[in-house]
C-alpha cells in the first residue's frame, strides 16, 4: 500500500488507525480502526457527512469501541499488518478515484469504501448490530 496517493488527511487517518490498533494490542489494522480514526479526525468532513445522513455518532463510536475490544489481541510488541477487510477498503477507495475524477484518496473516499465494504453480505452479518443502527444495511 502506497500512502503517496493519499491526501494528507487520509494518510493521517490511516496512521491514526494504525496507532489505534497498536494501542488496543490488535495484530491487524481493521476497517473498524480506520472508521474510528476517520470519525475522531479533526477538521475532516467525515463527521459532517455522517451527521448529515442521520447517523448517531455517539452510538457508532461506542459500537466501534465494542467491536475493537472483541478483536484478537497479542502480547508484547504487535507486528501490525493490514487485514483483508481493511485492504479491501483501501483498494475500493483507490478504485473510486476514477469514478470521481480524483487523483488522491481522501477521507471521504475511505468512508465511502468502508460503507461499501460493510454492505457486502459477509460483513453485514459480522457488523449487523452496527448496520441496523446506522441504516447502512437494509
C-alpha atoms as a PDB file:
ATOM      1  CA  UNK A   1       0.000   0.000   0.000  1.00  0.00           C
ATOM      2  CA  UNK A   2       1.310   3.401  -1.006  1.00  0.00           C
ATOM      3  CA  UNK A   3       0.325   6.339   1.187  1.00  0.00           C
ATOM      4  CA  UNK A   4       1.763   8.591  -1.520  1.00  0.00           C
ATOM      5  CA  UNK A   5      -1.570   8.643  -3.323  1.00  0.00           C
ATOM      6  CA  UNK A   6      -3.427   9.618  -0.117  1.00  0.00           C
ATOM      7  CA  UNK A   7      -4.194  13.206   0.813  1.00  0.00           C
ATOM      8  CA  UNK A   8      -2.527  14.378   3.993  1.00  0.00           C
ATOM      9  CA  UNK A   9      -5.805  13.939   5.910  1.00  0.00           C
ATOM     10  CA  UNK A  10      -6.354  10.418   4.562  1.00  0.00           C
ATOM     11  CA  UNK A  11      -2.764   9.425   5.384  1.00  0.00           C
ATOM     12  CA  UNK A  12      -3.154  10.882   8.889  1.00  0.00           C
ATOM     13  CA  UNK A  13      -6.368   8.890   9.361  1.00  0.00           C
ATOM     14  CA  UNK A  14      -4.654   5.690   8.274  1.00  0.00           C
ATOM     15  CA  UNK A  15      -1.728   6.361  10.606  1.00  0.00           C
ATOM     16  CA  UNK A  16      -4.203   7.056  13.428  1.00  0.00           C
ATOM     17  CA  UNK A  17      -5.915   3.738  12.641  1.00  0.00           C
ATOM     18  CA  UNK A  18      -2.546   2.019  12.921  1.00  0.00           C
ATOM     19  CA  UNK A  19      -1.977   3.688  16.302  1.00  0.00           C
ATOM     20  CA  UNK A  20      -5.462   2.676  17.484  1.00  0.00           C
ATOM     21  CA  UNK A  21      -4.727  -0.938  16.571  1.00  0.00           C
ATOM     22  CA  UNK A  22      -1.356  -0.770  18.313  1.00  0.00           C
ATOM     23  CA  UNK A  23      -2.863   0.738  21.468  1.00  0.00           C
ATOM     24  CA  UNK A  24      -5.550  -1.947  21.525  1.00  0.00           C
ATOM     25  CA  UNK A  25      -2.851  -4.630  21.032  1.00  0.00           C
ATOM     26  CA  UNK A  26      -4.553  -5.833  17.861  1.00  0.00           C
ATOM     27  CA  UNK A  27      -2.270  -7.633  15.414  1.00  0.00           C
ATOM     28  CA  UNK A  28      -4.151  -6.302  12.371  1.00  0.00           C
ATOM     29  CA  UNK A  29      -5.345  -2.883  11.307  1.00  0.00           C
ATOM     30  CA  UNK A  30      -9.052  -3.430  10.675  1.00  0.00           C
ATOM     31  CA  UNK A  31     -11.700  -1.343   8.944  1.00  0.00           C
ATOM     32  CA  UNK A  32     -13.103  -0.589  12.420  1.00  0.00           C
ATOM     33  CA  UNK A  33      -9.836   1.164  13.284  1.00  0.00           C
ATOM     34  CA  UNK A  34      -9.992   3.177  10.068  1.00  0.00           C
ATOM     35  CA  UNK A  35     -13.590   4.247  10.664  1.00  0.00           C
ATOM     36  CA  UNK A  36     -12.846   5.213  14.269  1.00  0.00           C
ATOM     37  CA  UNK A  37      -9.834   7.244  13.134  1.00  0.00           C
ATOM     38  CA  UNK A  38     -11.923   8.983  10.463  1.00  0.00           C
ATOM     39  CA  UNK A  39     -14.617   9.910  12.982  1.00  0.00           C
ATOM     40  CA  UNK A  40     -12.089  11.191  15.518  1.00  0.00           C
ATOM     41  CA  UNK A  41     -10.119  13.216  12.975  1.00  0.00           C
ATOM     42  CA  UNK A  42     -10.104  16.989  13.417  1.00  0.00           C
ATOM     43  CA  UNK A  43     -11.253  19.196  10.521  1.00  0.00           C
ATOM     44  CA  UNK A  44     -12.468  16.252   8.470  1.00  0.00           C
ATOM     45  CA  UNK A  45     -15.762  16.179   6.576  1.00  0.00           C
ATOM     46  CA  UNK A  46     -16.470  12.615   7.735  1.00  0.00           C
ATOM     47  CA  UNK A  47     -18.231  13.646  10.931  1.00  0.00           C
ATOM     48  CA  UNK A  48     -20.317  16.169   8.973  1.00  0.00           C
ATOM     49  CA  UNK A  49     -21.229  13.587   6.316  1.00  0.00           C
ATOM     50  CA  UNK A  50     -22.316  11.042   8.894  1.00  0.00           C
ATOM     51  CA  UNK A  51     -24.421  13.576  10.790  1.00  0.00           C
ATOM     52  CA  UNK A  52     -25.933  14.791   7.520  1.00  0.00           C
ATOM     53  CA  UNK A  53     -27.069  11.189   6.922  1.00  0.00           C
ATOM     54  CA  UNK A  54     -28.693  10.985  10.361  1.00  0.00           C
ATOM     55  CA  UNK A  55     -26.034   8.739  11.866  1.00  0.00           C
ATOM     56  CA  UNK A  56     -25.833   8.942  15.652  1.00  0.00           C
ATOM     57  CA  UNK A  57     -22.090   9.347  16.140  1.00  0.00           C
ATOM     58  CA  UNK A  58     -22.065   8.506  19.848  1.00  0.00           C
ATOM     59  CA  UNK A  59     -23.745   5.194  19.086  1.00  0.00           C
ATOM     60  CA  UNK A  60     -21.331   4.397  16.261  1.00  0.00           C
ATOM     61  CA  UNK A  61     -18.330   5.346  18.384  1.00  0.00           C
ATOM     62  CA  UNK A  62     -19.446   3.162  21.291  1.00  0.00           C
ATOM     63  CA  UNK A  63     -20.174   0.273  18.921  1.00  0.00           C
ATOM     64  CA  UNK A  64     -16.745   0.672  17.320  1.00  0.00           C
ATOM     65  CA  UNK A  65     -15.153   0.558  20.773  1.00  0.00           C
ATOM     66  CA  UNK A  66     -17.076  -2.637  21.477  1.00  0.00           C
ATOM     67  CA  UNK A  67     -16.063  -4.200  18.148  1.00  0.00           C
ATOM     68  CA  UNK A  68     -12.411  -3.222  18.584  1.00  0.00           C
ATOM     69  CA  UNK A  69     -12.499  -4.657  22.099  1.00  0.00           C
ATOM     70  CA  UNK A  70     -13.608  -8.010  20.651  1.00  0.00           C
ATOM     71  CA  UNK A  71     -10.764  -8.177  18.116  1.00  0.00           C
ATOM     72  CA  UNK A  72      -7.884 -10.583  18.776  1.00  0.00           C
ATOM     73  CA  UNK A  73      -5.101  -9.249  20.980  1.00  0.00           C
ATOM     74  CA  UNK A  74      -1.452 -10.118  21.213  1.00  0.00           C
ATOM     75  CA  UNK A  75       1.021  -9.514  23.989  1.00  0.00           C
ATOM     76  CA  UNK A  76       4.363  -7.855  23.508  1.00  0.00           C
ATOM     77  CA  UNK A  77       5.129  -5.664  20.532  1.00  0.00           C
ATOM     78  CA  UNK A  78       2.418  -6.174  17.919  1.00  0.00           C
ATOM     79  CA  UNK A  79       3.830  -6.540  14.410  1.00  0.00           C
ATOM     80  CA  UNK A  80       0.905  -4.979  12.656  1.00  0.00           C
ATOM     81  CA  UNK A  81      -0.341  -5.639   9.200  1.00  0.00           C
ATOM     82  CA  UNK A  82      -3.415  -4.529   7.334  1.00  0.00           C
ATOM     83  CA  UNK A  83      -6.289  -7.005   7.439  1.00  0.00           C
ATOM     84  CA  UNK A  84      -8.015  -8.329   4.337  1.00  0.00           C
ATOM     85  CA  UNK A  85     -11.101  -6.189   5.022  1.00  0.00           C
ATOM     86  CA  UNK A  86      -9.073  -3.032   5.616  1.00  0.00           C
ATOM     87  CA  UNK A  87      -7.047  -3.739   2.478  1.00  0.00           C
ATOM     88  CA  UNK A  88     -10.314  -4.070   0.547  1.00  0.00           C
ATOM     89  CA  UNK A  89     -11.343  -0.657   1.899  1.00  0.00           C
ATOM     90  CA  UNK A  90      -8.124   0.894   0.600  1.00  0.00           C
ATOM     91  CA  UNK A  91      -8.497  -0.852  -2.761  1.00  0.00           C
ATOM     92  CA  UNK A  92     -12.128   0.299  -3.078  1.00  0.00           C
ATOM     93  CA  UNK A  93     -11.129   3.850  -2.183  1.00  0.00           C
ATOM     94  CA  UNK A  94      -8.441   3.736  -4.871  1.00  0.00           C
ATOM     95  CA  UNK A  95     -10.848   2.304  -7.416  1.00  0.00           C
ATOM     96  CA  UNK A  96     -13.251   5.150  -6.693  1.00  0.00           C
ATOM     97  CA  UNK A  97     -10.728   7.748  -7.820  1.00  0.00           C
ATOM     98  CA  UNK A  98     -11.612   7.266 -11.475  1.00  0.00           C
ATOM     99  CA  UNK A  99     -15.324   7.493 -10.726  1.00  0.00           C
ATOM    100  CA  UNK A 100     -14.866  10.922  -9.133  1.00  0.00           C
ATOM    101  CA  UNK A 101     -12.022  12.080 -11.404  1.00  0.00           C
ATOM    102  CA  UNK A 102      -9.738  12.487  -8.391  1.00  0.00           C
ATOM    103  CA  UNK A 103      -6.009  11.936  -8.113  1.00  0.00           C
ATOM    104  CA  UNK A 104      -5.709  11.258  -4.398  1.00  0.00           C
ATOM    105  CA  UNK A 105      -7.569   9.164  -1.840  1.00  0.00           C
ATOM    106  CA  UNK A 106      -9.388  11.416   0.628  1.00  0.00           C
ATOM    107  CA  UNK A 107     -11.110  10.668   3.952  1.00  0.00           C
ATOM    108  CA  UNK A 108     -14.402  10.783   2.031  1.00  0.00           C
ATOM    109  CA  UNK A 109     -13.164   8.044  -0.331  1.00  0.00           C
ATOM    110  CA  UNK A 110     -12.207   5.926   2.680  1.00  0.00           C
ATOM    111  CA  UNK A 111     -15.612   6.464   4.299  1.00  0.00           C
ATOM    112  CA  UNK A 112     -17.429   5.532   1.099  1.00  0.00           C
ATOM    113  CA  UNK A 113     -15.247   2.434   0.734  1.00  0.00           C
ATOM    114  CA  UNK A 114     -15.977   1.415   4.337  1.00  0.00           C
ATOM    115  CA  UNK A 115     -19.717   1.780   3.744  1.00  0.00           C
ATOM    116  CA  UNK A 116     -19.440  -0.246   0.527  1.00  0.00           C
ATOM    117  CA  UNK A 117     -17.383  -2.910   2.291  1.00  0.00           C
ATOM    118  CA  UNK A 118     -19.895  -3.063   5.150  1.00  0.00           C
ATOM    119  CA  UNK A 119     -22.679  -3.683   2.647  1.00  0.00           C
ATOM    120  CA  UNK A 120     -21.036  -6.900   1.439  1.00  0.00           C
ATOM    121  CA  UNK A 121     -23.120  -9.848   2.738  1.00  0.00           C
ATOM    122  CA  UNK A 122     -20.362 -11.416   4.808  1.00  0.00           C
ATOM    123  CA  UNK A 123     -19.639  -8.101   6.519  1.00  0.00           C
ATOM    124  CA  UNK A 124     -23.297  -7.246   7.049  1.00  0.00           C
ATOM    125  CA  UNK A 125     -23.618 -10.351   9.164  1.00  0.00           C
ATOM    126  CA  UNK A 126     -20.445  -9.555  11.089  1.00  0.00           C
ATOM    127  CA  UNK A 127     -21.452  -5.985  11.821  1.00  0.00           C
ATOM    128  CA  UNK A 128     -25.224  -6.403  11.818  1.00  0.00           C
ATOM    129  CA  UNK A 129     -25.822  -4.547  15.051  1.00  0.00           C
ATOM    130  CA  UNK A 130     -23.863  -1.512  13.851  1.00  0.00           C
ATOM    131  CA  UNK A 131     -25.552  -1.755  10.466  1.00  0.00           C
ATOM    132  CA  UNK A 132     -29.090  -1.701  11.824  1.00  0.00           C
ATOM    133  CA  UNK A 133     -28.427   1.303  13.978  1.00  0.00           C
ATOM    134  CA  UNK A 134     -26.735   3.351  11.253  1.00  0.00           C
ATOM    135  CA  UNK A 135     -29.131   2.318   8.439  1.00  0.00           C
ATOM    136  CA  UNK A 136     -26.362   1.251   6.055  1.00  0.00           C
ATOM    137  CA  UNK A 137     -27.584  -2.285   5.572  1.00  0.00           C
ATOM    138  CA  UNK A 138     -31.280  -2.701   4.935  1.00  0.00           C
END
